[in-house]
Amino acid sequence: MSDNNIALDNASLRILEILQENAEITNTELAERVGLSPSPCWRRVAEMREKGIIKGAVMLVDPIKLDLAVNVFINVTLQRQDKETLDQFTQAIAIRREVMECYLMTGEADFLLRVVIKDLMHYQKFMLNVLTKIPGVSNIRSSFSLEQVKYTTSLPVQSK
């Protein structure tokens, strides 16, 4: 086990599974589902927060209800892969709210982005006014999602 991994017992793993499904569950309900009394359950959750295992709680919003129906996966290749060029790109992308995810990649493209936008016209504006203006970008390839087959925010923690 690496230094970053923290050993968790079955009850703690079960807590993580349940909280990933519903972060609004009460401590009493959580304790009951895990098979602990409320105080030890609360202490485990507090300890996992303190250790950074649990990083926060968010509300998931339906993008369709906000008229953000288009998911675009964008492969970006840079002219150079030096620190300065990589930093410029990541800093420019980090502030863009429509960029949901950004990964530094191996292979043909240097970055993979997932962008959520209203429509193709908004994507065109994003590409022309944002991506093409970032210094060092040499190639942009886009793929549009036709259907979301699976989406989850839950990590595959499994109780033993």
Protein backbone atom coordinates (compact mmCIF):
# COMPACT_ATOMS: atom_id res chain seq x y z
CA MET A 1 0.00 0.00 0.00
CA SER A 2 1.43 3.42 -0.97
CA ASP A 3 1.78 6.31 1.44
CA ASN A 4 -1.30 7.92 -0.11
CA ASN A 5 -3.53 4.94 0.65
CA ILE A 6 -5.19 4.67 4.02
CA ALA A 7 -6.37 1.30 5.29
CA LEU A 8 -10.13 1.31 5.80
CA ASP A 9 -12.15 -1.43 7.41
CA ASN A 10 -15.40 -2.84 6.08
CA ALA A 11 -17.61 -0.39 8.00
CA SER A 12 -15.68 2.65 6.74
CA LEU A 13 -15.83 1.39 3.16
CA ARG A 14 -19.58 0.85 3.53
CA ILE A 15 -19.92 4.41 4.88
CA LEU A 16 -18.14 5.72 1.79
CA GLU A 17 -20.38 3.69 -0.53
CA ILE A 18 -23.53 5.04 1.11
CA LEU A 19 -22.34 8.66 1.30
CA GLN A 20 -21.43 8.60 -2.39
CA GLU A 21 -25.02 7.56 -3.15
CA ASN A 22 -26.59 10.14 -0.81
CA ALA A 23 -24.54 12.75 1.04
CA GLU A 24 -27.71 14.11 2.64
CA ILE A 25 -28.40 10.96 4.64
CA THR A 26 -28.66 11.58 8.37
CA ASN A 27 -25.99 10.17 10.64
CA THR A 28 -28.65 8.03 12.34
CA GLU A 29 -29.76 6.51 9.02
CA LEU A 30 -26.15 6.02 7.95
CA ALA A 31 -25.25 4.29 11.22
CA GLU A 32 -28.27 2.00 10.91
CA ARG A 33 -27.40 1.00 7.34
CA VAL A 34 -23.75 0.35 8.27
CA GLY A 35 -24.57 -1.52 11.47
CA LEU A 36 -22.95 0.91 13.91
CA SER A 37 -24.35 3.12 16.62
CA PRO A 38 -24.56 6.84 15.70
CA SER A 39 -21.57 8.07 17.75
CA PRO A 40 -18.94 5.71 16.28
CA CYS A 41 -20.40 6.29 12.81
CA TRP A 42 -20.11 10.06 13.22
CA ARG A 43 -16.53 9.68 14.50
CA ARG A 44 -15.57 7.59 11.44
CA VAL A 45 -17.02 10.17 9.06
CA ALA A 46 -15.25 12.99 10.92
CA GLU A 47 -11.95 11.07 10.82
CA MET A 48 -12.28 10.40 7.08
CA ARG A 49 -12.93 14.13 6.53
CA GLU A 50 -9.90 15.02 8.66
CA LYS A 51 -7.68 12.61 6.68
CA GLY A 52 -8.94 14.02 3.38
CA ILE A 53 -10.65 10.81 2.28
CA ILE A 54 -13.96 12.67 2.23
CA LYS A 55 -13.25 15.97 0.51
CA GLY A 56 -16.67 17.59 0.62
CA ALA A 57 -20.29 17.21 -0.37
CA VAL A 58 -22.00 18.65 -3.43
CA MET A 59 -25.41 18.71 -5.06
CA LEU A 60 -25.65 17.14 -8.51
CA VAL A 61 -27.54 19.28 -11.01
CA ASP A 62 -29.30 17.97 -14.11
CA PRO A 63 -27.58 19.65 -17.09
CA ILE A 64 -30.61 19.15 -19.34
CA LYS A 65 -32.76 21.22 -16.95
CA LEU A 66 -30.21 24.04 -17.40
CA ASP A 67 -30.21 23.69 -21.20
CA LEU A 68 -26.66 22.30 -21.22
CA ALA A 69 -27.35 19.27 -23.38
CA VAL A 70 -24.11 18.98 -25.37
CA ASN A 71 -21.10 17.05 -24.08
CA VAL A 72 -17.96 17.55 -26.15
CA PHE A 73 -14.77 15.55 -25.71
CA ILE A 74 -11.82 17.54 -27.00
CA ASN A 75 -8.33 16.28 -27.72
CA VAL A 76 -5.80 19.11 -27.61
CA THR A 77 -2.24 18.82 -28.87
CA LEU A 78 0.36 21.40 -27.95
CA GLN A 79 3.27 22.61 -30.09
CA ARG A 80 5.68 21.77 -27.25
CA GLN A 81 5.37 19.77 -24.06
CA ASP A 82 7.61 21.95 -21.92
CA LYS A 83 6.62 23.17 -18.47
CA GLU A 84 5.80 26.70 -19.58
CA THR A 85 3.46 25.59 -22.39
CA LEU A 86 1.75 22.99 -20.20
CA ASP A 87 1.30 25.53 -17.39
CA GLN A 88 -0.12 28.16 -19.76
CA PHE A 89 -2.67 25.69 -21.08
CA THR A 90 -3.73 24.34 -17.68
CA GLN A 91 -4.08 27.85 -16.23
CA ALA A 92 -6.22 28.99 -19.15
CA ILE A 93 -8.47 25.93 -18.90
CA ALA A 94 -8.77 25.93 -15.10
CA ILE A 95 -10.83 29.14 -15.10
CA ARG A 96 -13.33 28.00 -17.77
CA ARG A 97 -16.64 26.96 -16.19
CA GLU A 98 -17.77 24.97 -19.24
CA VAL A 99 -14.74 22.68 -18.89
CA MET A 100 -15.95 19.94 -16.55
CA GLU A 101 -12.83 17.78 -16.71
CA CYS A 102 -9.31 18.17 -18.06
CA TYR A 103 -6.67 15.45 -18.14
CA LEU A 104 -3.00 15.52 -19.13
CA MET A 105 -2.69 12.47 -21.36
CA THR A 106 -0.21 10.09 -22.89
CA GLY A 107 -0.57 9.15 -26.55
CA GLU A 108 -1.34 11.37 -29.53
CA ALA A 109 -3.07 14.26 -27.74
CA ASP A 110 -1.62 16.12 -24.78
CA PHE A 111 -4.95 16.90 -23.09
CA LEU A 112 -8.45 15.50 -23.02
CA LEU A 113 -11.24 17.87 -22.03
CA ARG A 114 -14.93 17.30 -21.37
CA VAL A 115 -16.90 20.44 -22.07
CA VAL A 116 -20.61 20.93 -21.36
CA ILE A 117 -22.37 23.57 -23.43
CA LYS A 118 -25.79 24.61 -24.70
CA ASP A 119 -25.39 23.97 -28.42
CA LEU A 120 -22.98 23.87 -31.37
CA MET A 121 -22.97 27.63 -31.76
CA HIS A 122 -21.74 28.02 -28.16
CA TYR A 123 -19.11 25.34 -28.81
CA GLN A 124 -17.91 27.22 -31.89
CA LYS A 125 -17.51 30.38 -29.80
CA PHE A 126 -15.65 28.44 -27.09
CA MET A 127 -13.31 26.90 -29.64
CA LEU A 128 -12.62 30.13 -31.53
CA ASN A 129 -12.50 32.54 -28.58
CA VAL A 130 -10.85 30.30 -26.00
CA LEU A 131 -9.04 27.20 -27.26
CA THR A 132 -7.46 28.72 -30.36
CA LYS A 133 -6.25 31.73 -28.36
CA ILE A 134 -4.27 29.71 -25.81
CA PRO A 135 -0.56 30.01 -26.69
CA GLY A 136 1.02 26.75 -27.80
CA VAL A 137 -2.14 24.94 -29.00
CA SER A 138 -1.42 23.26 -32.32
CA ASN A 139 -4.33 20.84 -32.87
CA ILE A 140 -7.91 20.55 -31.61
CA ARG A 141 -10.09 17.49 -32.33
CA SER A 142 -13.64 17.32 -31.03
CA SER A 143 -16.06 14.44 -30.58
CA PHE A 144 -19.68 15.03 -29.63
CA SER A 145 -21.54 12.69 -27.33
CA LEU A 146 -24.74 11.27 -28.83
CA GLU A 147 -25.95 9.61 -25.65
CA GLN A 148 -24.72 9.31 -22.09
CA VAL A 149 -24.66 5.58 -21.42
CA LYS A 150 -23.26 5.78 -17.90
CA TYR A 151 -22.43 8.60 -15.56
CA THR A 152 -21.41 8.33 -11.95
CA THR A 153 -19.56 10.35 -9.38
CA SER A 154 -19.13 7.35 -7.08
CA LEU A 155 -15.70 5.77 -6.85
CA PRO A 156 -15.64 1.97 -6.89
CA VAL A 157 -14.99 1.45 -3.19
CA GLN A 158 -16.20 -1.96 -2.16
CA SER A 159 -16.69 -3.27 1.29
CA LYS A 160 -15.02 -6.61 1.83
